[in-house]
Amino acid sequence: MRSIASSIVILSSCILFAAAGFVTHSDTNLFLNGVAVFVGIIGLIGWFTSSGESGAKK
């Protein structure tokens, strides 16, 4: 179940990247890209840790 939650976090990161493409103000664009990278890294870490835990249980 944790991997599903992590994939939702990664999806929200992709949505932030897409939203940053439509923003014309450079500082706001940079902020959205920074937040998207931060959220994406957290999601990937959660995904990899949950994948390792599910593999160890088998």
PDB file of N, CA and C in Angstrom:
ATOM      1  N   MET A   1       0.821  -1.197   0.000  1.00  0.00           N
ATOM      2  CA  MET A   1       0.000   0.000   0.000  1.00  0.00           C
ATOM      3  C   MET A   1       0.866   1.261   0.000  1.00  0.00           C
ATOM      4  N   ARG A   2       2.043   1.172   0.616  1.00  0.00           N
ATOM      5  CA  ARG A   2       2.912   2.337   0.630  1.00  0.00           C
ATOM      6  C   ARG A   2       3.399   2.702  -0.761  1.00  0.00           C
ATOM      7  N   SER A   3       3.573   1.713  -1.615  1.00  0.00           N
ATOM      8  CA  SER A   3       4.045   2.021  -2.965  1.00  0.00           C
ATOM      9  C   SER A   3       3.000   2.800  -3.749  1.00  0.00           C
ATOM     10  N   ILE A   4       1.729   2.544  -3.490  1.00  0.00           N
ATOM     11  CA  ILE A   4       0.668   3.309  -4.156  1.00  0.00           C
ATOM     12  C   ILE A   4       0.694   4.760  -3.691  1.00  0.00           C
ATOM     13  N   ALA A   5       0.882   4.969  -2.407  1.00  0.00           N
ATOM     14  CA  ALA A   5       0.954   6.330  -1.879  1.00  0.00           C
ATOM     15  C   ALA A   5       2.169   7.055  -2.438  1.00  0.00           C
ATOM     16  N   SER A   6       3.275   6.353  -2.557  1.00  0.00           N
ATOM     17  CA  SER A   6       4.480   6.971  -3.116  1.00  0.00           C
ATOM     18  C   SER A   6       4.298   7.311  -4.587  1.00  0.00           C
ATOM     19  N   SER A   7       3.595   6.465  -5.309  1.00  0.00           N
ATOM     20  CA  SER A   7       3.365   6.774  -6.725  1.00  0.00           C
ATOM     21  C   SER A   7       2.427   7.965  -6.885  1.00  0.00           C
ATOM     22  N   ILE A   8       1.521   8.165  -5.953  1.00  0.00           N
ATOM     23  CA  ILE A   8       0.660   9.352  -5.979  1.00  0.00           C
ATOM     24  C   ILE A   8       1.498  10.604  -5.725  1.00  0.00           C
ATOM     25  N   VAL A   9       2.470  10.509  -4.833  1.00  0.00           N
ATOM     26  CA  VAL A   9       3.358  11.644  -4.566  1.00  0.00           C
ATOM     27  C   VAL A   9       4.184  11.965  -5.810  1.00  0.00           C
ATOM     28  N   ILE A  10       4.667  10.943  -6.493  1.00  0.00           N
ATOM     29  CA  ILE A  10       5.432  11.156  -7.723  1.00  0.00           C
ATOM     30  C   ILE A  10       4.547  11.766  -8.806  1.00  0.00           C
ATOM     31  N   LEU A  11       3.302  11.334  -8.888  1.00  0.00           N
ATOM     32  CA  LEU A  11       2.360  11.915  -9.842  1.00  0.00           C
ATOM     33  C   LEU A  11       2.121  13.391  -9.550  1.00  0.00           C
ATOM     34  N   SER A  12       2.005  13.737  -8.276  1.00  0.00           N
ATOM     35  CA  SER A  12       1.818  15.152  -7.937  1.00  0.00           C
ATOM     36  C   SER A  12       3.050  15.970  -8.309  1.00  0.00           C
ATOM     37  N   SER A  13       4.226  15.366  -8.215  1.00  0.00           N
ATOM     38  CA  SER A  13       5.437  16.046  -8.655  1.00  0.00           C
ATOM     39  C   SER A  13       5.400  16.310 -10.157  1.00  0.00           C
ATOM     40  N   CYS A  14       4.927  15.338 -10.923  1.00  0.00           N
ATOM     41  CA  CYS A  14       4.812  15.529 -12.376  1.00  0.00           C
ATOM     42  C   CYS A  14       3.802  16.614 -12.713  1.00  0.00           C
ATOM     43  N   ILE A  15       2.729  16.689 -11.950  1.00  0.00           N
ATOM     44  CA  ILE A  15       1.725  17.726 -12.169  1.00  0.00           C
ATOM     45  C   ILE A  15       2.313  19.104 -11.864  1.00  0.00           C
ATOM     46  N   LEU A  16       3.156  19.191 -10.818  1.00  0.00           N
ATOM     47  CA  LEU A  16       3.811  20.467 -10.519  1.00  0.00           C
ATOM     48  C   LEU A  16       4.754  20.884 -11.636  1.00  0.00           C
ATOM     49  N   PHE A  17       5.489  19.914 -12.208  1.00  0.00           N
ATOM     50  CA  PHE A  17       6.346  20.232 -13.345  1.00  0.00           C
ATOM     51  C   PHE A  17       5.532  20.745 -14.527  1.00  0.00           C
ATOM     52  N   ALA A  18       4.406  20.119 -14.784  1.00  0.00           N
ATOM     53  CA  ALA A  18       3.563  20.547 -15.898  1.00  0.00           C
ATOM     54  C   ALA A  18       2.980  21.936 -15.629  1.00  0.00           C
ATOM     55  N   ALA A  19       2.603  22.194 -14.395  1.00  0.00           N
ATOM     56  CA  ALA A  19       2.054  23.509 -14.056  1.00  0.00           C
ATOM     57  C   ALA A  19       3.119  24.594 -14.173  1.00  0.00           C
ATOM     58  N   ALA A  20       4.354  24.255 -13.843  1.00  0.00           N
ATOM     59  CA  ALA A  20       5.431  25.242 -13.933  1.00  0.00           C
ATOM     60  C   ALA A  20       5.682  25.655 -15.380  1.00  0.00           C
ATOM     61  N   GLY A  21       5.361  24.799 -16.315  1.00  0.00           N
ATOM     62  CA  GLY A  21       5.544  25.147 -17.720  1.00  0.00           C
ATOM     63  C   GLY A  21       4.591  26.230 -18.197  1.00  0.00           C
ATOM     64  N   PHE A  22       3.475  26.392 -17.519  1.00  0.00           N
ATOM     65  CA  PHE A  22       2.490  27.390 -17.920  1.00  0.00           C
ATOM     66  C   PHE A  22       2.659  28.720 -17.189  1.00  0.00           C
ATOM     67  N   VAL A  23       3.522  28.752 -16.190  1.00  0.00           N
ATOM     68  CA  VAL A  23       3.727  29.976 -15.419  1.00  0.00           C
ATOM     69  C   VAL A  23       4.778  30.830 -16.113  1.00  0.00           C
ATOM     70  N   THR A  24       4.450  32.089 -16.346  1.00  0.00           N
ATOM     71  CA  THR A  24       5.378  32.962 -17.075  1.00  0.00           C
ATOM     72  C   THR A  24       6.328  33.708 -16.145  1.00  0.00           C
ATOM     73  N   HIS A  25       5.978  33.876 -14.897  1.00  0.00           N
ATOM     74  CA  HIS A  25       6.836  34.581 -13.956  1.00  0.00           C
ATOM     75  C   HIS A  25       8.006  33.675 -13.579  1.00  0.00           C
ATOM     76  N   SER A  26       9.230  34.143 -13.767  1.00  0.00           N
ATOM     77  CA  SER A  26      10.409  33.278 -13.632  1.00  0.00           C
ATOM     78  C   SER A  26      10.630  32.800 -12.199  1.00  0.00           C
ATOM     79  N   ASP A  27      10.397  33.669 -11.202  1.00  0.00           N
ATOM     80  CA  ASP A  27      10.607  33.241  -9.819  1.00  0.00           C
ATOM     81  C   ASP A  27       9.593  32.183  -9.400  1.00  0.00           C
ATOM     82  N   THR A  28       8.356  32.350  -9.810  1.00  0.00           N
ATOM     83  CA  THR A  28       7.332  31.363  -9.483  1.00  0.00           C
ATOM     84  C   THR A  28       7.608  30.050 -10.206  1.00  0.00           C
ATOM     85  N   ASN A  29       8.060  30.133 -11.442  1.00  0.00           N
ATOM     86  CA  ASN A  29       8.412  28.949 -12.212  1.00  0.00           C
ATOM     87  C   ASN A  29       9.546  28.193 -11.521  1.00  0.00           C
ATOM     88  N   LEU A  30      10.558  28.919 -11.080  1.00  0.00           N
ATOM     89  CA  LEU A  30      11.681  28.300 -10.382  1.00  0.00           C
ATOM     90  C   LEU A  30      11.231  27.664  -9.075  1.00  0.00           C
ATOM     91  N   PHE A  31      10.349  28.340  -8.346  1.00  0.00           N
ATOM     92  CA  PHE A  31       9.838  27.786  -7.090  1.00  0.00           C
ATOM     93  C   PHE A  31       9.058  26.508  -7.329  1.00  0.00           C
ATOM     94  N   LEU A  32       8.190  26.507  -8.338  1.00  0.00           N
ATOM     95  CA  LEU A  32       7.411  25.301  -8.633  1.00  0.00           C
ATOM     96  C   LEU A  32       8.307  24.145  -9.065  1.00  0.00           C
ATOM     97  N   ASN A  33       9.334  24.434  -9.847  1.00  0.00           N
ATOM     98  CA  ASN A  33      10.267  23.382 -10.243  1.00  0.00           C
ATOM     99  C   ASN A  33      11.027  22.841  -9.039  1.00  0.00           C
ATOM    100  N   GLY A  34      11.435  23.719  -8.138  1.00  0.00           N
ATOM    101  CA  GLY A  34      12.143  23.282  -6.936  1.00  0.00           C
ATOM    102  C   GLY A  34      11.277  22.412  -6.043  1.00  0.00           C
ATOM    103  N   VAL A  35      10.033  22.825  -5.861  1.00  0.00           N
ATOM    104  CA  VAL A  35       9.108  22.024  -5.055  1.00  0.00           C
ATOM    105  C   VAL A  35       8.832  20.681  -5.726  1.00  0.00           C
ATOM    106  N   ALA A  36       8.708  20.687  -7.038  1.00  0.00           N
ATOM    107  CA  ALA A  36       8.450  19.445  -7.766  1.00  0.00           C
ATOM    108  C   ALA A  36       9.617  18.470  -7.625  1.00  0.00           C
ATOM    109  N   VAL A  37      10.834  18.989  -7.699  1.00  0.00           N
ATOM    110  CA  VAL A  37      12.005  18.117  -7.521  1.00  0.00           C
ATOM    111  C   VAL A  37      12.042  17.560  -6.100  1.00  0.00           C
ATOM    112  N   PHE A  38      11.789  18.405  -5.115  1.00  0.00           N
ATOM    113  CA  PHE A  38      11.792  17.963  -3.722  1.00  0.00           C
ATOM    114  C   PHE A  38      10.727  16.901  -3.474  1.00  0.00           C
ATOM    115  N   VAL A  39       9.524  17.139  -3.953  1.00  0.00           N
ATOM    116  CA  VAL A  39       8.430  16.179  -3.781  1.00  0.00           C
ATOM    117  C   VAL A  39       8.724  14.886  -4.535  1.00  0.00           C
ATOM    118  N   GLY A  40       9.289  15.005  -5.728  1.00  0.00           N
ATOM    119  CA  GLY A  40       9.631  13.819  -6.508  1.00  0.00           C
ATOM    120  C   GLY A  40      10.687  12.965  -5.840  1.00  0.00           C
ATOM    121  N   ILE A  41      11.694  13.597  -5.245  1.00  0.00           N
ATOM    122  CA  ILE A  41      12.738  12.841  -4.549  1.00  0.00           C
ATOM    123  C   ILE A  41      12.159  12.126  -3.335  1.00  0.00           C
ATOM    124  N   ILE A  42      11.304  12.801  -2.592  1.00  0.00           N
ATOM    125  CA  ILE A  42      10.669  12.150  -1.443  1.00  0.00           C
ATOM    126  C   ILE A  42       9.820  10.970  -1.902  1.00  0.00           C
ATOM    127  N   GLY A  43       9.089  11.147  -2.992  1.00  0.00           N
ATOM    128  CA  GLY A  43       8.266  10.054  -3.518  1.00  0.00           C
ATOM    129  C   GLY A  43       9.097   8.872  -3.985  1.00  0.00           C
ATOM    130  N   LEU A  44      10.212   9.155  -4.653  1.00  0.00           N
ATOM    131  CA  LEU A  44      11.083   8.068  -5.123  1.00  0.00           C
ATOM    132  C   LEU A  44      11.730   7.330  -3.960  1.00  0.00           C
ATOM    133  N   ILE A  45      12.137   8.056  -2.933  1.00  0.00           N
ATOM    134  CA  ILE A  45      12.713   7.403  -1.762  1.00  0.00           C
ATOM    135  C   ILE A  45      11.669   6.497  -1.106  1.00  0.00           C
ATOM    136  N   GLY A  46      10.457   6.998  -0.963  1.00  0.00           N
ATOM    137  CA  GLY A  46       9.389   6.173  -0.395  1.00  0.00           C
ATOM    138  C   GLY A  46       9.068   4.961  -1.245  1.00  0.00           C
ATOM    139  N   TRP A  47       9.116   5.142  -2.543  1.00  0.00           N
ATOM    140  CA  TRP A  47       8.812   4.044  -3.450  1.00  0.00           C
ATOM    141  C   TRP A  47       9.880   2.959  -3.378  1.00  0.00           C
ATOM    142  N   PHE A  48      11.153   3.381  -3.382  1.00  0.00           N
ATOM    143  CA  PHE A  48      12.240   2.404  -3.328  1.00  0.00           C
ATOM    144  C   PHE A  48      12.277   1.684  -1.984  1.00  0.00           C
ATOM    145  N   THR A  49      11.994   2.397  -0.898  1.00  0.00           N
ATOM    146  CA  THR A  49      12.003   1.721   0.402  1.00  0.00           C
ATOM    147  C   THR A  49      10.829   0.766   0.532  1.00  0.00           C
ATOM    148  N   SER A  50       9.690   1.128  -0.011  1.00  0.00           N
ATOM    149  CA  SER A  50       8.541   0.217   0.074  1.00  0.00           C
ATOM    150  C   SER A  50       8.726  -0.985  -0.852  1.00  0.00           C
ATOM    151  N   SER A  51       9.425  -0.791  -1.967  1.00  0.00           N
ATOM    152  CA  SER A  51       9.693  -1.911  -2.855  1.00  0.00           C
ATOM    153  C   SER A  51      10.664  -2.891  -2.208  1.00  0.00           C
ATOM    154  N   GLY A  52      11.642  -2.370  -1.492  1.00  0.00           N
ATOM    155  CA  GLY A  52      12.600  -3.241  -0.805  1.00  0.00           C
ATOM    156  C   GLY A  52      11.958  -4.015   0.328  1.00  0.00           C
ATOM    157  N   GLU A  53      11.006  -3.401   1.030  1.00  0.00           N
ATOM    158  CA  GLU A  53      10.333  -4.082   2.121  1.00  0.00           C
ATOM    159  C   GLU A  53       9.428  -5.192   1.615  1.00  0.00           C
ATOM    160  N   SER A  54       8.736  -4.953   0.512  1.00  0.00           N
ATOM    161  CA  SER A  54       7.830  -5.977  -0.004  1.00  0.00           C
ATOM    162  C   SER A  54       8.615  -7.158  -0.574  1.00  0.00           C
ATOM    163  N   GLY A  55       9.808  -6.903  -1.111  1.00  0.00           N
ATOM    164  CA  GLY A  55      10.625  -7.989  -1.633  1.00  0.00           C
ATOM    165  C   GLY A  55      11.214  -8.839  -0.522  1.00  0.00           C
ATOM    166  N   ALA A  56      11.487  -8.212   0.632  1.00  0.00           N
ATOM    167  CA  ALA A  56      12.070  -8.950   1.742  1.00  0.00           C
ATOM    168  C   ALA A  56      11.047  -9.852   2.426  1.00  0.00           C
ATOM    169  N   LYS A  57       9.779  -9.524   2.311  1.00  0.00           N
ATOM    170  CA  LYS A  57       8.728 -10.314   2.971  1.00  0.00           C
ATOM    171  C   LYS A  57       8.477 -11.629   2.254  1.00  0.00           C
ATOM    172  N   LYS A  58       8.798 -11.697   0.976  1.00  0.00           N
ATOM    173  CA  LYS A  58       8.476 -12.894   0.209  1.00  0.00           C
ATOM    174  C   LYS A  58       9.404 -14.017   0.494  1.00  0.00           C
TER     175      LYS A  58
END
